[in-house]
């Protein structure tokens, strides 16, 4: 089976204010906005929240693909992420080389996978998750803790 090596991803936005953008991707529309405290209308996550959320979603998708390829049953994943974000750039105080300084993710699998199997899946996700690669190549430290869900 031959597939295209690259595909075009497309997004567009209608932005009725300085903070609100109605984003269109494929047949979906969603809002990206700032909180009221920063002059927005809080109709959606901020751009930086969206980037962090994309990493979480990508970890889920690629995690399942990697687990399937390895023959490992990870069940469902619960993923939490905490990011140390340097705001000096977005507040225009100074240019920041690495705004997403560190991201700590906890990935809990509710399937029968052992810790050793989850470690294998985690290593594969690091190789294939495009969002993790994007962040890491930009200088972000990503710490991942994959573990079985505690009963």
C-alpha atoms as a PDB file:
ATOM      1  CA  UNK A   1       0.000   0.000   0.000  1.00  0.00           C
ATOM      2  CA  UNK A   2       1.475   3.323  -1.037  1.00  0.00           C
ATOM      3  CA  UNK A   3       0.600   6.478   0.848  1.00  0.00           C
ATOM      4  CA  UNK A   4       1.534  10.081   0.367  1.00  0.00           C
ATOM      5  CA  UNK A   5       4.581  11.040   2.386  1.00  0.00           C
ATOM      6  CA  UNK A   6       3.105  14.443   3.153  1.00  0.00           C
ATOM      7  CA  UNK A   7      -0.397  15.828   3.295  1.00  0.00           C
ATOM      8  CA  UNK A   8      -1.594  19.383   3.596  1.00  0.00           C
ATOM      9  CA  UNK A   9      -3.208  20.305   6.909  1.00  0.00           C
ATOM     10  CA  UNK A  10      -5.439  23.329   6.692  1.00  0.00           C
ATOM     11  CA  UNK A  11      -6.915  25.703   9.227  1.00  0.00           C
ATOM     12  CA  UNK A  12      -8.535  29.079   8.813  1.00  0.00           C
ATOM     13  CA  UNK A  13      -9.949  31.635  11.206  1.00  0.00           C
ATOM     14  CA  UNK A  14     -12.441  34.435  11.364  1.00  0.00           C
ATOM     15  CA  UNK A  15     -11.300  36.723  14.166  1.00  0.00           C
ATOM     16  CA  UNK A  16     -13.957  39.232  15.243  1.00  0.00           C
ATOM     17  CA  UNK A  17     -11.813  40.676  18.034  1.00  0.00           C
ATOM     18  CA  UNK A  18      -8.219  40.942  19.230  1.00  0.00           C
ATOM     19  CA  UNK A  19      -8.544  37.695  21.219  1.00  0.00           C
ATOM     20  CA  UNK A  20     -11.309  35.563  19.690  1.00  0.00           C
ATOM     21  CA  UNK A  21     -10.736  33.363  16.656  1.00  0.00           C
ATOM     22  CA  UNK A  22     -13.324  30.997  15.233  1.00  0.00           C
ATOM     23  CA  UNK A  23     -11.105  28.261  13.811  1.00  0.00           C
ATOM     24  CA  UNK A  24     -12.225  26.013  10.974  1.00  0.00           C
ATOM     25  CA  UNK A  25     -10.508  22.676  10.419  1.00  0.00           C
ATOM     26  CA  UNK A  26     -12.026  20.103   8.052  1.00  0.00           C
ATOM     27  CA  UNK A  27     -15.762  20.285   8.848  1.00  0.00           C
ATOM     28  CA  UNK A  28     -15.242  21.458  12.445  1.00  0.00           C
ATOM     29  CA  UNK A  29     -15.347  24.916  13.977  1.00  0.00           C
ATOM     30  CA  UNK A  30     -14.134  25.847  17.442  1.00  0.00           C
ATOM     31  CA  UNK A  31     -13.086  28.941  19.330  1.00  0.00           C
ATOM     32  CA  UNK A  32      -9.682  29.999  20.591  1.00  0.00           C
ATOM     33  CA  UNK A  33      -9.904  32.935  22.979  1.00  0.00           C
ATOM     34  CA  UNK A  34      -8.364  34.621  25.978  1.00  0.00           C
ATOM     35  CA  UNK A  35      -9.942  34.676  29.445  1.00  0.00           C
ATOM     36  CA  UNK A  36     -11.970  37.695  30.486  1.00  0.00           C
ATOM     37  CA  UNK A  37      -9.136  38.772  32.821  1.00  0.00           C
ATOM     38  CA  UNK A  38      -6.948  39.280  29.735  1.00  0.00           C
ATOM     39  CA  UNK A  39      -9.557  41.083  27.663  1.00  0.00           C
ATOM     40  CA  UNK A  40     -11.096  38.060  26.001  1.00  0.00           C
ATOM     41  CA  UNK A  41     -14.538  36.531  26.128  1.00  0.00           C
ATOM     42  CA  UNK A  42     -13.453  33.087  27.392  1.00  0.00           C
ATOM     43  CA  UNK A  43     -15.293  31.242  24.598  1.00  0.00           C
ATOM     44  CA  UNK A  44     -12.476  28.734  24.187  1.00  0.00           C
ATOM     45  CA  UNK A  45      -9.011  27.782  25.309  1.00  0.00           C
ATOM     46  CA  UNK A  46      -6.103  30.138  24.732  1.00  0.00           C
ATOM     47  CA  UNK A  47      -3.652  29.414  21.906  1.00  0.00           C
ATOM     48  CA  UNK A  48      -1.132  28.107  24.439  1.00  0.00           C
ATOM     49  CA  UNK A  49      -3.765  25.947  26.173  1.00  0.00           C
ATOM     50  CA  UNK A  50      -4.666  24.609  22.732  1.00  0.00           C
ATOM     51  CA  UNK A  51      -1.045  23.660  22.024  1.00  0.00           C
ATOM     52  CA  UNK A  52      -0.761  21.783  25.331  1.00  0.00           C
ATOM     53  CA  UNK A  53      -4.116  20.089  24.703  1.00  0.00           C
ATOM     54  CA  UNK A  54      -2.935  19.025  21.247  1.00  0.00           C
ATOM     55  CA  UNK A  55       0.029  17.257  22.865  1.00  0.00           C
ATOM     56  CA  UNK A  56      -2.320  15.426  25.239  1.00  0.00           C
ATOM     57  CA  UNK A  57      -4.623  14.380  22.395  1.00  0.00           C
ATOM     58  CA  UNK A  58      -1.715  13.299  20.214  1.00  0.00           C
ATOM     59  CA  UNK A  59      -0.244  11.241  23.064  1.00  0.00           C
ATOM     60  CA  UNK A  60      -3.552   9.399  23.304  1.00  0.00           C
ATOM     61  CA  UNK A  61      -3.848   8.707  19.559  1.00  0.00           C
ATOM     62  CA  UNK A  62      -0.216   7.727  18.983  1.00  0.00           C
ATOM     63  CA  UNK A  63      -0.136   5.824  22.274  1.00  0.00           C
ATOM     64  CA  UNK A  64      -2.962   3.582  21.102  1.00  0.00           C
ATOM     65  CA  UNK A  65      -1.395   3.117  17.663  1.00  0.00           C
ATOM     66  CA  UNK A  66       1.937   2.154  19.214  1.00  0.00           C
ATOM     67  CA  UNK A  67       0.320  -0.179  21.738  1.00  0.00           C
ATOM     68  CA  UNK A  68      -1.651  -1.899  18.951  1.00  0.00           C
ATOM     69  CA  UNK A  69       1.522  -2.302  16.872  1.00  0.00           C
ATOM     70  CA  UNK A  70       3.267  -3.853  19.894  1.00  0.00           C
ATOM     71  CA  UNK A  71       0.292  -6.095  20.722  1.00  0.00           C
ATOM     72  CA  UNK A  72      -0.141  -4.456  24.129  1.00  0.00           C
ATOM     73  CA  UNK A  73      -3.584  -3.807  25.628  1.00  0.00           C
ATOM     74  CA  UNK A  74      -3.409  -0.421  27.338  1.00  0.00           C
ATOM     75  CA  UNK A  75      -7.178  -0.030  27.638  1.00  0.00           C
ATOM     76  CA  UNK A  76      -8.182   3.614  27.941  1.00  0.00           C
ATOM     77  CA  UNK A  77      -5.809   6.401  28.896  1.00  0.00           C
ATOM     78  CA  UNK A  78      -6.254   9.221  31.374  1.00  0.00           C
ATOM     79  CA  UNK A  79      -3.683  11.900  30.621  1.00  0.00           C
ATOM     80  CA  UNK A  80      -2.887  14.995  32.634  1.00  0.00           C
ATOM     81  CA  UNK A  81      -0.308  17.597  31.688  1.00  0.00           C
ATOM     82  CA  UNK A  82       1.206  20.512  33.567  1.00  0.00           C
ATOM     83  CA  UNK A  83       3.329  23.036  31.707  1.00  0.00           C
ATOM     84  CA  UNK A  84       5.848  25.527  33.047  1.00  0.00           C
ATOM     85  CA  UNK A  85       5.223  28.373  30.612  1.00  0.00           C
ATOM     86  CA  UNK A  86       7.455  31.440  30.357  1.00  0.00           C
ATOM     87  CA  UNK A  87       5.049  34.366  29.867  1.00  0.00           C
ATOM     88  CA  UNK A  88       7.699  37.011  29.263  1.00  0.00           C
ATOM     89  CA  UNK A  89       7.274  36.634  25.503  1.00  0.00           C
ATOM     90  CA  UNK A  90       3.469  36.811  25.339  1.00  0.00           C
ATOM     91  CA  UNK A  91       3.517  39.864  27.618  1.00  0.00           C
ATOM     92  CA  UNK A  92       6.052  41.477  25.248  1.00  0.00           C
ATOM     93  CA  UNK A  93       8.578  41.941  28.059  1.00  0.00           C
ATOM     94  CA  UNK A  94      11.321  40.087  26.203  1.00  0.00           C
ATOM     95  CA  UNK A  95      11.848  37.507  23.500  1.00  0.00           C
ATOM     96  CA  UNK A  96      11.787  33.980  24.902  1.00  0.00           C
ATOM     97  CA  UNK A  97      13.616  31.166  23.121  1.00  0.00           C
ATOM     98  CA  UNK A  98      11.642  28.348  24.792  1.00  0.00           C
ATOM     99  CA  UNK A  99       8.258  29.531  26.095  1.00  0.00           C
ATOM    100  CA  UNK A 100       7.030  26.008  26.926  1.00  0.00           C
ATOM    101  CA  UNK A 101       9.878  25.299  29.345  1.00  0.00           C
ATOM    102  CA  UNK A 102       8.793  21.960  30.806  1.00  0.00           C
ATOM    103  CA  UNK A 103       5.759  19.740  30.372  1.00  0.00           C
ATOM    104  CA  UNK A 104       5.064  16.992  32.899  1.00  0.00           C
ATOM    105  CA  UNK A 105       2.561  14.398  31.731  1.00  0.00           C
ATOM    106  CA  UNK A 106       1.025  11.568  33.688  1.00  0.00           C
ATOM    107  CA  UNK A 107      -0.486   8.826  31.549  1.00  0.00           C
ATOM    108  CA  UNK A 108      -2.636   6.267  33.349  1.00  0.00           C
ATOM    109  CA  UNK A 109      -3.676   3.139  31.442  1.00  0.00           C
ATOM    110  CA  UNK A 110      -6.678   1.180  32.683  1.00  0.00           C
ATOM    111  CA  UNK A 111      -5.894  -1.940  30.626  1.00  0.00           C
ATOM    112  CA  UNK A 112      -3.950  -5.024  31.718  1.00  0.00           C
ATOM    113  CA  UNK A 113      -0.580  -3.696  30.450  1.00  0.00           C
ATOM    114  CA  UNK A 114       2.313  -4.101  32.866  1.00  0.00           C
ATOM    115  CA  UNK A 115       4.687  -1.288  33.784  1.00  0.00           C
ATOM    116  CA  UNK A 116       7.328  -2.803  31.492  1.00  0.00           C
ATOM    117  CA  UNK A 117       4.840  -2.845  28.604  1.00  0.00           C
ATOM    118  CA  UNK A 118       3.821   0.756  29.271  1.00  0.00           C
ATOM    119  CA  UNK A 119       7.489   1.739  29.243  1.00  0.00           C
ATOM    120  CA  UNK A 120       7.764   0.183  25.755  1.00  0.00           C
ATOM    121  CA  UNK A 121       4.697   2.072  24.555  1.00  0.00           C
ATOM    122  CA  UNK A 122       6.025   5.327  26.013  1.00  0.00           C
ATOM    123  CA  UNK A 123       9.348   4.903  24.197  1.00  0.00           C
ATOM    124  CA  UNK A 124       7.526   4.327  20.908  1.00  0.00           C
ATOM    125  CA  UNK A 125       5.265   7.346  21.441  1.00  0.00           C
ATOM    126  CA  UNK A 126       8.383   9.481  21.839  1.00  0.00           C
ATOM    127  CA  UNK A 127       9.520   8.337  18.397  1.00  0.00           C
ATOM    128  CA  UNK A 128       6.241   8.951  16.576  1.00  0.00           C
ATOM    129  CA  UNK A 129       4.111  11.636  18.278  1.00  0.00           C
ATOM    130  CA  UNK A 130       4.435  14.717  16.036  1.00  0.00           C
ATOM    131  CA  UNK A 131       3.426  17.134  18.796  1.00  0.00           C
ATOM    132  CA  UNK A 132       5.966  15.703  21.242  1.00  0.00           C
ATOM    133  CA  UNK A 133       8.630  16.002  18.537  1.00  0.00           C
ATOM    134  CA  UNK A 134       7.591  19.585  17.802  1.00  0.00           C
ATOM    135  CA  UNK A 135       7.866  20.587  21.455  1.00  0.00           C
ATOM    136  CA  UNK A 136      11.130  18.708  22.063  1.00  0.00           C
ATOM    137  CA  UNK A 137      12.799  20.095  18.948  1.00  0.00           C
ATOM    138  CA  UNK A 138      11.813  23.588  20.134  1.00  0.00           C
ATOM    139  CA  UNK A 139      13.690  22.934  23.390  1.00  0.00           C
ATOM    140  CA  UNK A 140      10.827  21.916  25.682  1.00  0.00           C
ATOM    141  CA  UNK A 141      11.611  19.247  28.259  1.00  0.00           C
ATOM    142  CA  UNK A 142       8.804  16.685  28.331  1.00  0.00           C
ATOM    143  CA  UNK A 143       8.646  14.358  31.314  1.00  0.00           C
ATOM    144  CA  UNK A 144       6.246  11.441  30.932  1.00  0.00           C
ATOM    145  CA  UNK A 145       5.109   9.065  33.650  1.00  0.00           C
ATOM    146  CA  UNK A 146       3.216   6.134  32.130  1.00  0.00           C
ATOM    147  CA  UNK A 147       1.680   3.850  34.732  1.00  0.00           C
ATOM    148  CA  UNK A 148      -1.129   1.390  35.285  1.00  0.00           C
ATOM    149  CA  UNK A 149      -4.260   2.908  36.761  1.00  0.00           C
ATOM    150  CA  UNK A 150      -4.437   2.381  40.476  1.00  0.00           C
ATOM    151  CA  UNK A 151      -7.571   0.570  41.567  1.00  0.00           C
END
